[in-house]
Amino acid sequence: MKEFEHEELKPKALVSGYDLIALGMKPGPEMKPLLGELYELQLEGAIKGREEALTWAKKKIVSLKSHADRSRAT
């Protein structure tokens, strides 16, 4: 076990960019901050499973779309 003492644990992300696309997000640089925020929540234990992560992502995507729509309207 000593050989692993200094290794940082990095669990696999619960959600990928492909998942965001499947949820309706357009591929692009906007995906990186969303995936980063979601991964942080996963590491903090605020999001514990894939279904919870997908639900969070879907709400975030809807929020981002509505914000973008409001910005275009002004």
N, C-alpha and C. Protein backbone atom coordinates (compact mmCIF):
# COMPACT_ATOMS: atom_id res chain seq x y z
N MET A 1 0.81 -1.21 0.00
CA MET A 1 0.00 0.00 0.00
C MET A 1 0.85 1.26 0.00
N LYS A 2 2.07 1.19 0.51
CA LYS A 2 2.90 2.38 0.57
C LYS A 2 3.17 2.96 -0.81
N GLU A 3 3.15 2.11 -1.83
CA GLU A 3 3.43 2.60 -3.17
C GLU A 3 2.33 3.54 -3.68
N PHE A 4 1.16 3.50 -3.07
CA PHE A 4 0.05 4.36 -3.49
C PHE A 4 -0.19 5.54 -2.55
N GLU A 5 0.62 5.69 -1.53
CA GLU A 5 0.40 6.72 -0.53
C GLU A 5 0.33 8.12 -1.11
N HIS A 6 1.15 8.41 -2.09
CA HIS A 6 1.25 9.78 -2.61
C HIS A 6 0.46 9.99 -3.90
N GLU A 7 -0.27 8.97 -4.32
CA GLU A 7 -1.08 9.13 -5.52
C GLU A 7 -2.38 9.84 -5.17
N GLU A 8 -2.75 10.77 -6.02
CA GLU A 8 -3.99 11.51 -5.83
C GLU A 8 -5.14 10.67 -6.39
N LEU A 9 -6.20 10.58 -5.64
CA LEU A 9 -7.37 9.84 -6.09
C LEU A 9 -8.22 10.75 -6.98
N LYS A 10 -8.45 10.29 -8.18
CA LYS A 10 -9.29 11.06 -9.11
C LYS A 10 -10.32 10.11 -9.69
N PRO A 11 -11.50 10.12 -9.13
CA PRO A 11 -12.54 9.23 -9.67
C PRO A 11 -12.96 9.67 -11.06
N LYS A 12 -13.46 8.74 -11.81
CA LYS A 12 -13.98 9.03 -13.15
C LYS A 12 -15.19 9.95 -13.01
N ALA A 13 -15.25 10.93 -13.90
CA ALA A 13 -16.40 11.85 -13.92
C ALA A 13 -17.68 11.07 -14.18
N LEU A 14 -18.73 11.47 -13.51
CA LEU A 14 -20.03 10.80 -13.66
C LEU A 14 -20.69 11.14 -14.99
N VAL A 15 -20.34 12.30 -15.56
CA VAL A 15 -20.97 12.78 -16.79
C VAL A 15 -19.87 13.24 -17.74
N SER A 16 -20.08 12.99 -19.03
CA SER A 16 -19.12 13.40 -20.05
C SER A 16 -19.74 14.45 -20.98
N GLY A 17 -18.93 14.96 -21.85
CA GLY A 17 -19.43 15.89 -22.87
C GLY A 17 -20.49 15.24 -23.74
N TYR A 18 -20.33 13.97 -24.02
CA TYR A 18 -21.33 13.26 -24.82
C TYR A 18 -22.69 13.24 -24.11
N ASP A 19 -22.65 13.12 -22.79
CA ASP A 19 -23.90 13.17 -22.03
C ASP A 19 -24.56 14.54 -22.15
N LEU A 20 -23.74 15.60 -22.09
CA LEU A 20 -24.30 16.95 -22.21
C LEU A 20 -24.93 17.15 -23.58
N ILE A 21 -24.30 16.63 -24.62
CA ILE A 21 -24.86 16.72 -25.96
C ILE A 21 -26.18 15.97 -26.02
N ALA A 22 -26.23 14.79 -25.43
CA ALA A 22 -27.46 14.00 -25.40
C ALA A 22 -28.58 14.73 -24.65
N LEU A 23 -28.19 15.60 -23.71
CA LEU A 23 -29.18 16.38 -22.94
C LEU A 23 -29.59 17.66 -23.68
N GLY A 24 -28.99 17.90 -24.86
CA GLY A 24 -29.41 19.04 -25.66
C GLY A 24 -28.43 20.20 -25.73
N MET A 25 -27.26 20.04 -25.14
CA MET A 25 -26.27 21.12 -25.18
C MET A 25 -25.49 21.05 -26.49
N LYS A 26 -25.24 22.21 -27.09
CA LYS A 26 -24.44 22.24 -28.31
C LYS A 26 -22.97 22.04 -27.94
N PRO A 27 -22.26 21.24 -28.73
CA PRO A 27 -20.83 21.06 -28.46
C PRO A 27 -20.09 22.39 -28.56
N GLY A 28 -19.17 22.62 -27.65
CA GLY A 28 -18.40 23.85 -27.70
C GLY A 28 -17.72 24.14 -26.38
N PRO A 29 -17.04 25.28 -26.32
CA PRO A 29 -16.26 25.63 -25.13
C PRO A 29 -17.11 25.86 -23.88
N GLU A 30 -18.41 26.06 -24.04
CA GLU A 30 -19.29 26.27 -22.89
C GLU A 30 -19.43 25.00 -22.05
N MET A 31 -19.06 23.88 -22.64
CA MET A 31 -19.20 22.60 -21.93
C MET A 31 -18.16 22.46 -20.81
N LYS A 32 -16.98 22.98 -21.03
CA LYS A 32 -15.88 22.77 -20.08
C LYS A 32 -16.20 23.31 -18.69
N PRO A 33 -16.68 24.56 -18.54
CA PRO A 33 -16.99 25.04 -17.19
C PRO A 33 -18.10 24.24 -16.51
N LEU A 34 -19.09 23.83 -17.28
CA LEU A 34 -20.19 23.04 -16.71
C LEU A 34 -19.66 21.69 -16.22
N LEU A 35 -18.84 21.03 -17.04
CA LEU A 35 -18.27 19.75 -16.63
C LEU A 35 -17.35 19.92 -15.42
N GLY A 36 -16.62 21.02 -15.39
CA GLY A 36 -15.73 21.29 -14.26
C GLY A 36 -16.50 21.50 -12.98
N GLU A 37 -17.58 22.27 -13.06
CA GLU A 37 -18.41 22.52 -11.87
C GLU A 37 -19.04 21.22 -11.38
N LEU A 38 -19.51 20.44 -12.31
CA LEU A 38 -20.12 19.16 -11.95
C LEU A 38 -19.11 18.21 -11.31
N TYR A 39 -17.90 18.19 -11.84
CA TYR A 39 -16.86 17.33 -11.27
C TYR A 39 -16.49 17.78 -9.86
N GLU A 40 -16.43 19.08 -9.65
CA GLU A 40 -16.15 19.60 -8.30
C GLU A 40 -17.23 19.16 -7.32
N LEU A 41 -18.48 19.26 -7.74
CA LEU A 41 -19.59 18.83 -6.88
C LEU A 41 -19.49 17.34 -6.58
N GLN A 42 -19.06 16.56 -7.58
CA GLN A 42 -18.86 15.13 -7.38
C GLN A 42 -17.76 14.89 -6.35
N LEU A 43 -16.64 15.58 -6.49
CA LEU A 43 -15.52 15.39 -5.57
C LEU A 43 -15.88 15.81 -4.15
N GLU A 44 -16.71 16.85 -4.03
CA GLU A 44 -17.13 17.33 -2.71
C GLU A 44 -18.18 16.43 -2.08
N GLY A 45 -18.75 15.52 -2.86
CA GLY A 45 -19.78 14.63 -2.34
C GLY A 45 -21.18 15.20 -2.42
N ALA A 46 -21.31 16.37 -3.05
CA ALA A 46 -22.64 16.98 -3.18
C ALA A 46 -23.49 16.22 -4.20
N ILE A 47 -22.83 15.60 -5.16
CA ILE A 47 -23.51 14.75 -6.15
C ILE A 47 -22.88 13.38 -6.04
N LYS A 48 -23.72 12.38 -5.82
CA LYS A 48 -23.20 11.06 -5.49
C LYS A 48 -23.36 10.01 -6.58
N GLY A 49 -24.23 10.22 -7.52
CA GLY A 49 -24.46 9.19 -8.53
C GLY A 49 -24.71 9.78 -9.90
N ARG A 50 -24.65 8.92 -10.89
CA ARG A 50 -24.82 9.36 -12.29
C ARG A 50 -26.18 9.99 -12.54
N GLU A 51 -27.24 9.39 -12.04
CA GLU A 51 -28.58 9.95 -12.28
C GLU A 51 -28.70 11.34 -11.67
N GLU A 52 -28.18 11.51 -10.47
CA GLU A 52 -28.20 12.82 -9.82
C GLU A 52 -27.38 13.83 -10.63
N ALA A 53 -26.25 13.38 -11.17
CA ALA A 53 -25.40 14.25 -11.98
C ALA A 53 -26.11 14.65 -13.27
N LEU A 54 -26.78 13.71 -13.90
CA LEU A 54 -27.51 14.03 -15.14
C LEU A 54 -28.66 14.99 -14.87
N THR A 55 -29.35 14.82 -13.76
CA THR A 55 -30.43 15.73 -13.40
C THR A 55 -29.89 17.13 -13.17
N TRP A 56 -28.77 17.25 -12.46
CA TRP A 56 -28.14 18.55 -12.21
C TRP A 56 -27.73 19.18 -13.54
N ALA A 57 -27.11 18.39 -14.41
CA ALA A 57 -26.65 18.90 -15.70
C ALA A 57 -27.81 19.39 -16.55
N LYS A 58 -28.90 18.64 -16.57
CA LYS A 58 -30.06 19.05 -17.37
C LYS A 58 -30.61 20.38 -16.87
N LYS A 59 -30.73 20.55 -15.56
CA LYS A 59 -31.21 21.82 -15.01
C LYS A 59 -30.27 22.96 -15.37
N LYS A 60 -28.97 22.70 -15.30
CA LYS A 60 -27.98 23.73 -15.62
C LYS A 60 -28.07 24.12 -17.10
N ILE A 61 -28.24 23.13 -17.97
CA ILE A 61 -28.34 23.40 -19.40
C ILE A 61 -29.58 24.24 -19.69
N VAL A 62 -30.69 23.91 -19.09
CA VAL A 62 -31.93 24.69 -19.26
C VAL A 62 -31.71 26.12 -18.79
N SER A 63 -31.05 26.27 -17.65
CA SER A 63 -30.75 27.59 -17.11
C SER A 63 -29.86 28.39 -18.06
N LEU A 64 -28.83 27.75 -18.59
CA LEU A 64 -27.93 28.43 -19.53
C LEU A 64 -28.64 28.83 -20.81
N LYS A 65 -29.52 27.95 -21.30
CA LYS A 65 -30.28 28.27 -22.52
C LYS A 65 -31.20 29.45 -22.29
N SER A 66 -31.90 29.48 -21.16
CA SER A 66 -32.83 30.58 -20.89
C SER A 66 -32.08 31.89 -20.70
N HIS A 67 -30.89 31.82 -20.09
CA HIS A 67 -30.06 33.02 -19.94
C HIS A 67 -29.60 33.52 -21.31
N ALA A 68 -29.19 32.60 -22.19
CA ALA A 68 -28.74 33.00 -23.53
C ALA A 68 -29.90 33.58 -24.32
N ASP A 69 -31.09 33.02 -24.18
CA ASP A 69 -32.27 33.52 -24.88
C ASP A 69 -32.61 34.94 -24.42
N ARG A 70 -32.51 35.17 -23.11
CA ARG A 70 -32.80 36.51 -22.57
C ARG A 70 -31.76 37.52 -23.07
N SER A 71 -30.51 37.09 -23.15
CA SER A 71 -29.44 37.98 -23.62
C SER A 71 -29.65 38.39 -25.06
N ARG A 72 -30.12 37.46 -25.89
CA ARG A 72 -30.37 37.78 -27.30
C ARG A 72 -31.57 38.68 -27.46
N ALA A 73 -32.52 38.59 -26.54
CA ALA A 73 -33.74 39.38 -26.65
C ALA A 73 -33.51 40.85 -26.32
N THR A 74 -32.42 41.16 -25.64
CA THR A 74 -32.16 42.57 -25.27
C THR A 74 -31.24 43.24 -26.21
